[in-house]
Protein backbone atom coordinates (compact mmCIF):
# COMPACT_ATOMS: atom_id res chain seq x y z
CA MET A 1 -0.35 -0.03 0.09
CA GLU A 2 1.21 3.24 -1.01
CA ASP A 3 0.07 5.33 2.03
CA CYS A 4 1.13 2.60 4.69
CA ILE A 5 3.63 3.59 6.83
CA PHE A 6 4.65 -0.09 7.74
CA CYS A 7 5.26 -0.49 3.86
CA LYS A 8 7.22 2.72 3.92
CA MET A 9 9.56 1.31 6.71
CA VAL A 10 10.11 -2.03 4.96
CA LYS A 11 11.08 0.49 1.60
CA GLY A 12 13.67 2.29 3.32
CA GLU A 13 11.53 5.44 3.66
CA VAL A 14 10.81 5.65 6.79
CA PRO A 15 13.89 5.57 9.54
CA ILE A 16 13.78 2.76 12.40
CA ASN A 17 15.50 1.46 15.21
CA LYS A 18 15.45 -2.26 13.87
CA VAL A 19 15.94 -5.40 15.51
CA TYR A 20 15.56 -7.72 13.11
CA GLU A 21 15.18 -8.45 9.12
CA ASP A 22 14.87 -11.24 6.89
CA GLU A 23 13.14 -11.25 3.20
CA ASP A 24 10.01 -11.51 4.91
CA ILE A 25 10.02 -10.12 8.12
CA LEU A 26 10.81 -6.37 10.08
CA ALA A 27 11.11 -6.08 13.68
CA PHE A 28 12.05 -2.86 15.18
CA TYR A 29 11.53 -0.72 18.25
CA ASP A 30 7.98 1.00 18.89
CA ILE A 31 8.37 4.80 18.70
CA ASN A 32 5.64 4.83 21.79
CA PRO A 33 6.30 2.01 24.14
CA ALA A 34 4.07 0.59 26.34
CA THR A 35 6.54 -0.92 28.13
CA PRO A 36 10.37 -1.13 28.53
CA ILE A 37 10.59 -3.33 25.79
CA HIS A 38 8.09 -2.83 22.95
CA ILE A 39 8.95 -4.26 19.63
CA LEU A 40 6.83 -4.56 16.56
CA VAL A 41 7.24 -7.47 14.32
CA ILE A 42 5.65 -6.96 11.18
CA PRO A 43 5.42 -9.19 7.88
CA LYS A 44 7.04 -7.30 5.05
CA LYS A 45 3.81 -8.48 2.85
CA HIS A 46 1.14 -5.82 3.30
CA ILE A 47 -1.38 -7.62 4.95
CA ASP A 48 -4.27 -5.59 6.47
CA CYS A 49 -5.08 -7.48 9.51
CA VAL A 50 -5.55 -11.03 10.89
CA ALA A 51 -9.24 -10.81 9.75
CA HIS A 52 -7.74 -10.25 6.26
CA MET A 53 -5.01 -13.01 6.14
CA LYS A 54 -5.47 -15.46 3.27
CA LYS A 55 -4.68 -19.56 3.91
CA GLU A 56 -1.30 -18.81 2.10
CA ASP A 57 -0.03 -16.40 4.87
CA GLU A 58 -0.66 -19.17 7.59
CA PRO A 59 3.21 -20.05 6.89
CA LEU A 60 4.58 -16.68 7.35
CA ILE A 61 2.74 -15.80 10.61
CA GLY A 62 4.34 -19.33 11.96
CA LYS A 63 7.52 -18.06 10.57
CA ILE A 64 6.73 -14.85 12.46
CA TYR A 65 6.07 -16.68 15.92
CA GLY A 66 9.69 -17.88 15.55
CA VAL A 67 11.62 -14.65 14.56
CA ILE A 68 9.56 -13.29 18.31
CA ASN A 69 11.02 -16.21 20.10
CA LYS A 70 14.78 -15.83 18.58
CA ILE A 71 14.54 -11.74 19.62
CA ALA A 72 13.37 -12.62 22.97
CA GLU A 73 16.22 -14.77 23.45
CA GLU A 74 19.28 -12.36 21.62
CA LYS A 75 17.65 -9.66 23.66
CA GLY A 76 17.71 -11.46 26.88
CA PHE A 77 13.73 -11.58 27.71
CA LYS A 78 12.95 -15.15 27.05
CA GLU A 79 13.07 -16.71 30.48
CA GLN A 80 11.55 -14.16 32.49
CA GLY A 81 8.50 -13.60 29.94
CA PHE A 82 7.16 -11.15 27.39
CA ARG A 83 3.39 -10.86 26.14
CA VAL A 84 2.51 -10.60 22.30
CA ILE A 85 -0.66 -8.45 21.02
CA VAL A 86 -2.33 -8.82 17.94
CA ASN A 87 -4.89 -6.09 17.40
CA SER A 88 -7.21 -6.84 14.39
CA GLY A 89 -9.22 -4.07 12.69
CA LYS A 90 -10.50 -1.01 14.08
CA ASP A 91 -12.61 -1.37 16.82
CA SER A 92 -9.51 -3.81 18.49
CA GLY A 93 -7.38 -0.70 18.80
CA GLN A 94 -5.32 -1.17 15.63
CA GLU A 95 -4.11 2.25 14.30
CA VAL A 96 -2.00 1.00 11.47
CA MET A 97 -3.92 -1.21 9.10
CA HIS A 98 -0.96 -3.48 8.27
CA LEU A 99 -0.69 -6.44 10.22
CA HIS A 100 1.62 -6.47 13.15
CA PHE A 101 2.50 -8.06 16.98
CA HIS A 102 3.78 -6.01 19.67
CA VAL A 103 6.00 -7.80 21.65
CA LEU A 104 6.32 -6.18 25.10
CA ALA A 105 8.51 -7.03 27.79
CA GLY A 106 11.04 -5.28 30.56
CA THR A 107 8.07 -5.45 33.64
CA LYS A 108 5.90 -7.62 35.23
CA MET A 109 2.46 -6.75 33.44
CA GLY A 110 -0.15 -9.11 35.65
CA ASP A 111 -3.86 -8.49 34.26
CA LYS A 112 -2.85 -5.32 32.61
CA ILE A 113 -4.13 -5.07 28.91
CA VAL A 114 -2.42 -2.94 26.53
């Protein structure tokens, strides 16, 4: 999508603090973190949200979870625990209509919903 901020990040048109990148996935620190560690993990392919995924996207989503686990290990928060949040659509609070996974860590979250 031409006006999607995350697609612009994938193209290198918008600066990011990159955590991880491969041919399919990009991960970077959120510019407005909700927790001490707040990383966004996105597919490079534009998918609006979970509700707009296709069957063919399922392997990519599985790969994203593998990357999240790798990031958690490399950044040292895997054992302490972390939360992964995926919003789908405007009513869920999704602000950027490009599928993204919030990885939150660095604090005890308890029942707090972010």
